[in-house]
Every structure is written in C-alpha cells, then in structure tokens.
Amino acid sequence: MAKKESSTKNFVLRVDTETMEALEKWAADEFRSTNGQLQWIITEALKKSGRLKKTRSASS
C-alpha cells in the first residue's frame, strides 16, 4: 500500500506563558484558532521576506 503524502507537518513549539496568552487573545480577536493564527503569522512573515514559493491561485 502506498504511503499517503501529508500536506501538513507537525512539530512541538514551546512558548512562554505571556506570549501564549497574547497569541490566544490575538487569535480570538481575528476569529481564528491559535493554530490558525500561528499559521497565518508564519505565512505572512515568509511572504514578506520573499521566502515563500509563489503558488498559483485557484482563479488562474
């Protein structure tokens, strides 16, 4: 049986309590999960730095 390729990768992240509380509040303010907020922050930082590969949009 072929192994399924995952589109996500899991990892452990240790964050101090103050940072985590701020992140959880920010996520709630944006109506996102904490995980979703972290993904958004990382994606935005990668785009800004030019390190994220450009992908075709669904409308192209």
Protein backbone atom coordinates (compact mmCIF):
# COMPACT_ATOMS: atom_id res chain seq x y z
CA MET A 1 0.00 0.00 0.00
CA ALA A 2 1.33 3.44 -0.93
CA LYS A 3 2.04 5.90 1.83
CA LYS A 4 -0.23 8.98 1.82
CA GLU A 5 1.55 12.30 1.47
CA SER A 6 0.54 14.82 4.09
CA SER A 7 0.12 18.47 3.20
CA THR A 8 0.98 19.48 6.75
CA LYS A 9 3.82 18.69 9.08
CA ASN A 10 3.50 18.53 12.87
CA PHE A 11 6.06 19.82 15.36
CA VAL A 12 6.28 20.86 19.01
CA LEU A 13 6.60 24.55 19.83
CA ARG A 14 7.44 25.79 23.30
CA VAL A 15 6.18 29.29 24.08
CA ASP A 16 6.31 31.19 27.34
CA THR A 17 3.01 31.82 29.12
CA GLU A 18 2.85 35.57 28.42
CA THR A 19 3.44 35.05 24.69
CA MET A 20 0.87 32.25 24.52
CA GLU A 21 -1.78 34.34 26.27
CA ALA A 22 -1.16 37.23 23.86
CA LEU A 23 -1.33 34.85 20.90
CA GLU A 24 -4.58 33.29 22.11
CA LYS A 25 -6.16 36.73 22.55
CA TRP A 26 -5.00 37.83 19.09
CA ALA A 27 -6.39 34.63 17.55
CA ALA A 28 -9.74 35.15 19.28
CA ASP A 29 -9.85 38.78 18.08
CA GLU A 30 -9.33 37.54 14.49
CA PHE A 31 -11.85 34.66 14.89
CA ARG A 32 -9.10 32.08 14.32
CA SER A 33 -7.84 29.11 16.30
CA THR A 34 -4.47 29.53 17.97
CA ASN A 35 -3.00 27.11 15.42
CA GLY A 36 -4.61 29.03 12.56
CA GLN A 37 -3.21 32.29 13.90
CA LEU A 38 0.30 30.83 14.10
CA GLN A 39 -0.01 29.54 10.52
CA TRP A 40 -1.15 32.97 9.35
CA ILE A 41 1.70 34.77 11.18
CA ILE A 42 4.30 32.41 9.76
CA THR A 43 2.89 32.60 6.22
CA GLU A 44 2.81 36.41 6.33
CA ALA A 45 6.41 36.56 7.59
CA LEU A 46 7.56 34.16 4.85
CA LYS A 47 5.77 36.20 2.15
CA LYS A 48 7.24 39.46 3.47
CA SER A 49 10.76 38.02 3.46
CA GLY A 50 10.35 36.56 -0.04
CA ARG A 51 10.99 33.03 1.22
CA LEU A 52 7.61 31.52 0.35
CA LYS A 53 7.30 29.97 -3.11
CA LYS A 54 4.63 31.59 -5.21
CA THR A 55 1.67 29.29 -5.82
CA ARG A 56 -0.99 29.58 -8.47
CA SER A 57 -4.27 30.91 -7.21
CA ALA A 58 -7.43 28.91 -7.86
CA SER A 59 -8.72 31.66 -10.16
CA SER A 60 -5.73 31.39 -12.56
